[in-house]
Amino acid sequence: MNSLTYKNYIGSIEVSEEDNCLYGKVLNLPDNTLISYEGETIAELREDFHASVDEYLSLCEENGVEPQKCYSGSLNVRLTPAIHSRVAYLAKQTGVSINSFIRTAIEKQIAAML
């Protein structure tokens, strides 16, 4: 998927053939929060994406409101007892926490898919 990332916000990249432009919106925000942007080139789209996120963050600060985030960074994963046990064993063998072991495994999987 084509996307933009800025200050931990992830934005889509869409094409409007009708309007002959690129556009997008910040993904995974609550329904009542919309941050959108557009441009005629990828550089313009990226610039407007950055400006839109910065403007949103400035408005939140001016109004004393906590900005909505795409993701908190906390994820609850359900595993079978057998996998949980194996992960705990391997984490201990490598001298890291279970969270660190799982985070590294996910990072490696993401890197392999990109």
Protein backbone atom coordinates (compact mmCIF):
# COMPACT_ATOMS: atom_id res chain seq x y z
CA MET A 1 0.00 0.00 0.00
CA ASN A 2 1.27 3.45 -0.85
CA SER A 3 1.31 5.72 2.16
CA LEU A 4 3.00 8.71 3.75
CA THR A 5 4.29 8.89 7.32
CA TYR A 6 4.92 12.02 9.37
CA LYS A 7 5.07 12.52 13.15
CA ASN A 8 3.60 9.02 13.66
CA TYR A 9 0.62 9.78 11.42
CA ILE A 10 0.05 7.56 8.39
CA GLY A 11 -1.67 9.00 5.34
CA SER A 12 -3.11 7.44 2.20
CA ILE A 13 -2.16 8.29 -1.37
CA GLU A 14 -5.08 8.32 -3.80
CA VAL A 15 -5.39 9.40 -7.43
CA SER A 16 -8.28 11.41 -8.89
CA GLU A 17 -8.16 11.01 -12.65
CA GLU A 18 -11.22 13.27 -12.91
CA ASP A 19 -9.48 16.15 -11.10
CA ASN A 20 -5.99 15.18 -12.32
CA CYS A 21 -4.53 15.31 -8.81
CA LEU A 22 -3.36 13.26 -5.87
CA TYR A 23 -5.13 13.35 -2.52
CA GLY A 24 -5.28 11.50 0.75
CA LYS A 25 -6.31 11.44 4.37
CA VAL A 26 -4.71 10.44 7.64
CA LEU A 27 -5.65 6.84 8.35
CA ASN A 28 -7.05 5.20 11.45
CA LEU A 29 -8.31 8.26 13.28
CA PRO A 30 -11.68 8.33 15.05
CA ASP A 31 -14.61 9.06 12.72
CA ASN A 32 -14.98 12.63 13.99
CA THR A 33 -11.38 13.53 13.03
CA LEU A 34 -10.46 14.14 9.38
CA ILE A 35 -7.08 15.35 8.19
CA SER A 36 -6.95 15.54 4.39
CA TYR A 37 -4.44 16.89 1.86
CA GLU A 38 -3.81 17.08 -1.89
CA GLY A 39 -1.24 17.93 -4.53
CA GLU A 40 -0.45 17.62 -8.20
CA THR A 41 2.84 15.78 -7.59
CA ILE A 42 4.11 13.42 -4.90
CA ALA A 43 6.30 16.25 -3.57
CA GLU A 44 3.29 18.60 -3.33
CA LEU A 45 1.18 15.85 -1.75
CA ARG A 46 3.88 15.17 0.87
CA GLU A 47 4.26 18.89 1.56
CA ASP A 48 0.50 19.36 2.04
CA PHE A 49 0.34 16.19 4.19
CA HIS A 50 3.04 17.59 6.49
CA ALA A 51 1.37 21.01 6.58
CA SER A 52 -2.04 19.47 7.35
CA VAL A 53 -0.67 17.39 10.23
CA ASP A 54 1.24 20.39 11.59
CA GLU A 55 -1.88 22.57 11.36
CA TYR A 56 -3.96 19.92 13.14
CA LEU A 57 -1.38 19.64 15.94
CA SER A 58 -1.20 23.46 16.27
CA LEU A 59 -4.98 23.76 16.48
CA CYS A 60 -5.08 21.06 19.16
CA GLU A 61 -2.39 22.88 21.14
CA GLU A 62 -4.16 26.25 20.79
CA ASN A 63 -7.42 24.73 22.02
CA GLY A 64 -5.82 22.68 24.82
CA VAL A 65 -7.03 19.44 23.23
CA GLU A 66 -5.08 16.19 23.15
CA PRO A 67 -4.44 15.28 19.48
CA GLN A 68 -5.97 12.05 18.24
CA LYS A 69 -3.36 9.43 17.40
CA CYS A 70 -3.40 6.75 14.75
CA TYR A 71 -2.19 4.05 17.13
CA SER A 72 -1.14 4.05 20.75
CA GLY A 73 1.74 1.61 20.30
CA SER A 74 0.10 -0.84 22.67
CA LEU A 75 -1.18 -4.06 21.13
CA ASN A 76 -2.79 -7.03 22.84
CA VAL A 77 -2.03 -10.24 20.92
CA ARG A 78 -3.78 -13.53 21.62
CA LEU A 79 -1.63 -16.65 21.27
CA THR A 80 -2.23 -20.31 21.88
CA PRO A 81 -0.71 -21.56 25.15
CA ALA A 82 1.82 -23.60 23.14
CA ILE A 83 3.03 -20.59 21.15
CA HIS A 84 3.08 -18.40 24.26
CA SER A 85 5.23 -20.98 26.02
CA ARG A 86 7.60 -21.26 23.04
CA VAL A 87 7.94 -17.45 22.78
CA ALA A 88 8.68 -17.20 26.51
CA TYR A 89 11.32 -19.93 26.24
CA LEU A 90 13.01 -18.35 23.19
CA ALA A 91 12.92 -14.87 24.74
CA LYS A 92 14.58 -16.19 27.89
CA GLN A 93 17.18 -18.05 25.81
CA THR A 94 18.09 -14.84 23.97
CA GLY A 95 18.05 -12.72 27.14
CA VAL A 96 15.21 -10.39 26.18
CA SER A 97 11.68 -9.78 27.38
CA ILE A 98 8.71 -11.41 25.69
CA ASN A 99 7.61 -7.97 24.40
CA SER A 100 11.05 -7.30 22.94
CA PHE A 101 11.15 -10.74 21.32
CA ILE A 102 7.70 -10.29 19.71
CA ARG A 103 8.48 -6.70 18.62
CA THR A 104 11.70 -7.87 16.91
CA ALA A 105 9.89 -10.76 15.20
CA ILE A 106 7.21 -8.38 13.88
CA GLU A 107 9.83 -5.84 12.72
CA LYS A 108 11.67 -8.60 10.81
CA GLN A 109 8.42 -9.78 9.21
CA ILE A 110 7.49 -6.24 8.13
CA ALA A 111 10.97 -5.64 6.70
CA ALA A 112 10.75 -8.89 4.73
CA MET A 113 7.40 -7.83 3.23
CA LEU A 114 8.53 -4.35 2.15
